[in-house]
Amino acid sequence: MIFGRPGSGKSTFTIKLAEKLRLPVHHLDKHFFVTNWAMRNYEEFLDIQYHLVSQQCWIIDGNSLQSLHIRYSEARVFCSLK
């Protein structure tokens, strides 16, 4: 779970970390926005996050503080990939 100020390098760090650890990576902006940077329906955005964190292993980067509890409650230090 990676979050921080806009423009602080979250996505760059996330990509490098995911490559090193060989973990799937998800950028919240890609799920929050749809075509032409229009905001997705918020309930749908929350459902997407619940689906992402239900996976065994993941790295998610983004600043959505209103939904931080979703990611925080499922964050793990270690996971095992098959």
Protein backbone atom coordinates (compact mmCIF):
# COMPACT_ATOMS: atom_id res chain seq x y z
CA MET A 1 0.00 0.00 0.00
CA ILE A 2 1.68 3.18 -1.23
CA PHE A 3 0.26 6.63 -0.64
CA GLY A 4 1.67 10.12 -0.48
CA ARG A 5 1.48 13.60 -1.90
CA PRO A 6 0.65 14.13 -5.57
CA GLY A 7 3.80 14.14 -7.70
CA SER A 8 5.92 12.56 -4.96
CA GLY A 9 6.92 9.52 -7.04
CA LYS A 10 4.40 6.98 -5.78
CA SER A 11 3.81 5.40 -9.18
CA THR A 12 7.51 5.24 -10.05
CA PHE A 13 8.35 3.67 -6.69
CA THR A 14 5.40 1.27 -6.96
CA ILE A 15 6.45 0.04 -10.40
CA LYS A 16 10.03 -0.59 -9.29
CA LEU A 17 8.90 -2.33 -6.09
CA ALA A 18 6.44 -4.51 -7.99
CA GLU A 19 9.14 -5.53 -10.46
CA LYS A 20 11.56 -6.39 -7.67
CA LEU A 21 9.02 -8.35 -5.61
CA ARG A 22 7.14 -9.70 -8.64
CA LEU A 23 3.79 -8.58 -7.25
CA PRO A 24 0.74 -7.30 -9.11
CA VAL A 25 0.38 -3.53 -9.01
CA HIS A 26 -2.76 -1.40 -9.16
CA HIS A 27 -2.85 2.39 -9.52
CA LEU A 28 -6.02 3.83 -7.98
CA ASP A 29 -6.14 6.68 -10.50
CA LYS A 30 -6.66 4.11 -13.26
CA HIS A 31 -9.74 2.86 -11.41
CA PHE A 32 -11.04 6.21 -10.14
CA PHE A 33 -11.11 7.88 -13.53
CA VAL A 34 -12.74 6.73 -16.74
CA THR A 35 -12.48 8.21 -20.25
CA ASN A 36 -11.19 11.80 -20.43
CA TRP A 37 -10.43 11.92 -16.70
CA ALA A 38 -14.10 11.77 -15.74
CA MET A 39 -14.68 10.37 -12.24
CA ARG A 40 -16.12 6.88 -11.99
CA ASN A 41 -19.22 6.29 -9.86
CA TYR A 42 -17.84 6.26 -6.30
CA GLU A 43 -19.67 3.09 -5.22
CA GLU A 44 -18.21 1.31 -8.23
CA PHE A 45 -14.75 2.62 -7.27
CA LEU A 46 -15.20 1.18 -3.77
CA ASP A 47 -16.32 -2.18 -5.19
CA ILE A 48 -13.20 -2.29 -7.36
CA GLN A 49 -11.01 -1.70 -4.32
CA TYR A 50 -12.74 -4.45 -2.35
CA HIS A 51 -12.06 -6.79 -5.27
CA LEU A 52 -8.40 -5.75 -5.50
CA VAL A 53 -7.68 -6.28 -1.80
CA SER A 54 -9.42 -9.66 -1.82
CA GLN A 55 -6.51 -10.97 -3.90
CA GLN A 56 -3.73 -12.74 -2.04
CA CYS A 57 -0.95 -10.34 -3.03
CA TRP A 58 -1.00 -6.79 -4.31
CA ILE A 59 0.57 -3.36 -4.27
CA ILE A 60 -1.86 -0.47 -4.59
CA ASP A 61 -0.76 3.12 -5.00
CA GLY A 62 -3.03 6.09 -4.57
CA ASN A 63 -4.23 8.81 -2.28
CA SER A 64 -7.90 8.01 -1.80
CA LEU A 65 -8.01 8.72 1.92
CA GLN A 66 -11.79 8.27 2.13
CA SER A 67 -11.33 4.62 1.21
CA LEU A 68 -7.99 4.03 2.94
CA HIS A 69 -9.70 1.72 5.44
CA ILE A 70 -10.42 -0.76 2.64
CA ARG A 71 -6.76 -1.12 1.72
CA TYR A 72 -5.37 -0.73 5.23
CA SER A 73 -7.56 -3.49 6.69
CA GLU A 74 -6.24 -6.01 4.15
CA ALA A 75 -2.61 -4.87 3.82
CA ARG A 76 0.00 -7.51 4.61
CA VAL A 77 3.74 -7.26 4.98
CA PHE A 78 4.32 -10.63 3.34
CA CYS A 79 2.31 -12.77 1.00
CA SER A 80 3.10 -15.98 -0.79
CA LEU A 81 2.77 -16.28 -4.53
CA LYS A 82 2.04 -19.65 -6.06
